[in-house]
Amino acid sequence: MSNALPVVGRGFCFEDLPIGYKFRTHRRTIAESDLTAFVNLTWLTEELFAVEGDEGRAIKGRAVPGALVYSFAEGLLLPTMQDTGLAFLGAQLDIKGPTVVGDTIHVEAEVVEARMTSKGDRGLVRTSNVVVNQHGKTVLAYNPLRMLKCRG
């Protein structure tokens, strides 16, 4: 394998993300098996997520934890920071509406902050991310601050 060959699939560098830049991810449908695997992995075994049936529940359908929606959103965003992401520094996260098994989600992002670090070879980028379902409804919003490599 030659190091001289360009690598495909590399994420955004700091310079690629000026304030106001917008993009969206591909979509992902959430399956029953996704819910089951996530609940078993995380032990989020609240009956809302672990027991079928919606009698007396405010949410109709198989409710999905907000933590799963956030995790899937980050997975959908992974290509944007592959090889260039250095650190996730924090975010405020708000659940805006329910997500259920069978929903198809994608992430819409806008760069709202971009500044160089004192080292000069990396930058901090904050995006305003909204997770949108197949009905065009925002189900989750968060604003991650990430450290990204510079191109040089």
Protein backbone atom coordinates (compact mmCIF):
# COMPACT_ATOMS: atom_id res chain seq x y z
CA MET A 1 0.00 0.00 0.00
CA SER A 2 1.38 3.35 -1.01
CA ASN A 3 1.09 6.43 1.20
CA ALA A 4 1.29 8.53 -2.00
CA LEU A 5 -2.23 7.53 -3.06
CA PRO A 6 -5.01 9.92 -2.05
CA VAL A 7 -7.42 8.60 0.55
CA VAL A 8 -11.10 8.81 -0.41
CA GLY A 9 -13.88 9.41 2.07
CA ARG A 10 -12.00 11.95 4.17
CA GLY A 11 -14.11 14.33 6.24
CA PHE A 12 -14.20 18.10 6.29
CA CYS A 13 -11.12 20.01 7.35
CA PHE A 14 -11.52 23.19 9.39
CA GLU A 15 -11.13 25.35 6.28
CA ASP A 16 -14.05 23.58 4.57
CA LEU A 17 -16.58 24.81 7.14
CA PRO A 18 -17.13 28.59 7.11
CA ILE A 19 -19.88 30.07 9.27
CA GLY A 20 -23.20 29.67 7.46
CA TYR A 21 -22.21 26.52 5.52
CA LYS A 22 -25.10 24.02 5.45
CA PHE A 23 -25.26 20.33 4.59
CA ARG A 24 -27.39 17.26 5.21
CA THR A 25 -26.66 13.58 5.67
CA HIS A 26 -28.02 10.47 4.04
CA ARG A 27 -31.13 8.91 5.62
CA ARG A 28 -31.52 5.93 7.96
CA THR A 29 -34.67 4.02 8.87
CA ILE A 30 -34.82 2.83 12.47
CA ALA A 31 -35.76 -0.85 12.67
CA GLU A 32 -37.15 -2.93 15.53
CA SER A 33 -33.81 -4.75 15.65
CA ASP A 34 -32.03 -1.39 16.14
CA LEU A 35 -34.23 -0.60 19.13
CA THR A 36 -33.77 -4.07 20.62
CA ALA A 37 -29.99 -4.04 20.18
CA PHE A 38 -29.67 -0.50 21.61
CA VAL A 39 -31.86 -1.26 24.65
CA ASN A 40 -29.90 -4.45 25.35
CA LEU A 41 -26.53 -2.72 24.88
CA THR A 42 -27.30 0.33 27.04
CA TRP A 43 -29.67 -1.21 29.59
CA LEU A 44 -32.24 1.49 28.87
CA THR A 45 -34.83 -1.07 29.85
CA GLU A 46 -37.64 1.32 30.68
CA GLU A 47 -40.90 -0.40 29.72
CA LEU A 48 -41.60 2.37 27.21
CA PHE A 49 -38.73 0.95 25.14
CA ALA A 50 -38.63 -2.69 26.25
CA VAL A 51 -42.28 -3.79 26.22
CA GLU A 52 -44.55 -3.91 23.16
CA GLY A 53 -47.97 -2.31 23.24
CA ASP A 54 -49.02 1.30 23.51
CA GLU A 55 -52.13 1.08 25.68
CA GLY A 56 -52.34 4.26 27.71
CA ARG A 57 -49.11 5.70 26.29
CA ALA A 58 -48.84 9.18 24.86
CA ILE A 59 -46.63 7.91 22.02
CA LYS A 60 -48.25 5.57 19.51
CA GLY A 61 -45.89 2.96 18.09
CA ARG A 62 -42.60 1.54 19.40
CA ALA A 63 -40.91 4.55 21.01
CA VAL A 64 -37.17 4.94 20.47
CA PRO A 65 -34.90 6.48 23.15
CA GLY A 66 -33.56 9.93 22.36
CA ALA A 67 -30.10 8.52 23.08
CA LEU A 68 -30.53 6.15 20.11
CA VAL A 69 -31.65 8.99 17.84
CA TYR A 70 -28.61 11.05 18.91
CA SER A 71 -26.30 8.05 18.37
CA PHE A 72 -27.69 7.43 14.90
CA ALA A 73 -27.33 11.13 14.07
CA GLU A 74 -23.65 10.98 15.03
CA GLY A 75 -23.25 7.86 12.90
CA LEU A 76 -24.85 9.61 9.94
CA LEU A 77 -22.41 12.50 10.44
CA LEU A 78 -19.31 10.29 10.73
CA PRO A 79 -18.28 10.68 7.07
CA THR A 80 -18.04 14.45 7.62
CA MET A 81 -15.26 14.00 10.17
CA GLN A 82 -13.55 10.77 9.09
CA ASP A 83 -9.77 11.24 9.57
CA THR A 84 -10.20 14.94 10.37
CA GLY A 85 -12.13 14.93 13.65
CA LEU A 86 -9.89 15.28 16.68
CA ALA A 87 -12.29 15.77 19.58
CA PHE A 88 -15.93 16.13 20.54
CA LEU A 89 -15.97 18.92 23.13
CA GLY A 90 -19.61 19.05 24.14
CA ALA A 91 -23.15 19.92 23.10
CA GLN A 92 -26.54 20.94 24.34
CA LEU A 93 -29.18 18.41 23.26
CA ASP A 94 -32.96 18.87 23.10
CA ILE A 95 -35.55 16.24 22.25
CA LYS A 96 -38.16 18.01 20.11
CA GLY A 97 -40.57 15.17 19.38
CA PRO A 98 -41.06 11.42 19.49
CA THR A 99 -39.29 8.93 17.26
CA VAL A 100 -40.69 5.45 16.72
CA VAL A 101 -39.57 2.27 15.02
CA GLY A 102 -40.06 2.70 11.28
CA ASP A 103 -39.16 6.40 11.23
CA THR A 104 -36.52 7.48 8.72
CA ILE A 105 -34.19 10.22 9.93
CA HIS A 106 -31.47 12.44 8.52
CA VAL A 107 -29.40 15.31 9.94
CA GLU A 108 -29.37 18.89 8.68
CA ALA A 109 -26.38 20.90 9.89
CA GLU A 110 -25.31 24.54 9.76
CA VAL A 111 -21.94 25.88 10.88
CA VAL A 112 -22.61 28.54 13.53
CA GLU A 113 -19.09 28.98 14.96
CA ALA A 114 -15.61 28.45 13.52
CA ARG A 115 -12.32 29.59 15.03
CA MET A 116 -8.70 28.53 15.03
CA THR A 117 -7.12 27.14 18.17
CA SER A 118 -4.01 28.70 19.68
CA LYS A 119 -1.89 25.88 18.20
CA GLY A 120 -2.80 27.01 14.69
CA ASP A 121 -3.01 23.54 13.15
CA ARG A 122 -6.60 22.83 14.12
CA GLY A 123 -9.87 24.64 14.53
CA LEU A 124 -13.05 24.53 16.58
CA VAL A 125 -16.33 24.19 14.71
CA ARG A 126 -19.81 24.30 16.22
CA THR A 127 -22.76 23.21 14.15
CA SER A 128 -26.46 23.54 14.77
CA ASN A 129 -27.78 20.06 13.99
CA VAL A 130 -31.39 19.05 13.62
CA VAL A 131 -32.54 15.48 13.20
CA VAL A 132 -35.53 15.40 10.87
CA ASN A 133 -37.94 12.51 10.27
CA GLN A 134 -39.68 11.43 7.06
CA HIS A 135 -42.55 13.85 7.78
CA GLY A 136 -40.20 16.84 7.87
CA LYS A 137 -40.56 17.18 11.64
CA THR A 138 -37.54 17.96 13.84
CA VAL A 139 -37.26 15.27 16.51
CA LEU A 140 -33.91 16.22 18.06
CA ALA A 141 -31.64 19.28 18.01
CA TYR A 142 -28.08 19.64 19.27
CA ASN A 143 -25.06 21.88 18.78
CA PRO A 144 -21.79 19.94 18.97
CA LEU A 145 -18.46 21.72 19.29
CA ARG A 146 -15.75 19.69 17.58
CA MET A 147 -12.02 20.08 17.06
CA LEU A 148 -10.99 19.41 13.45
CA LYS A 149 -7.68 19.20 11.64
CA CYS A 150 -6.59 21.96 9.32
CA ARG A 151 -5.71 21.05 5.75
CA GLY A 152 -1.98 21.79 6.00
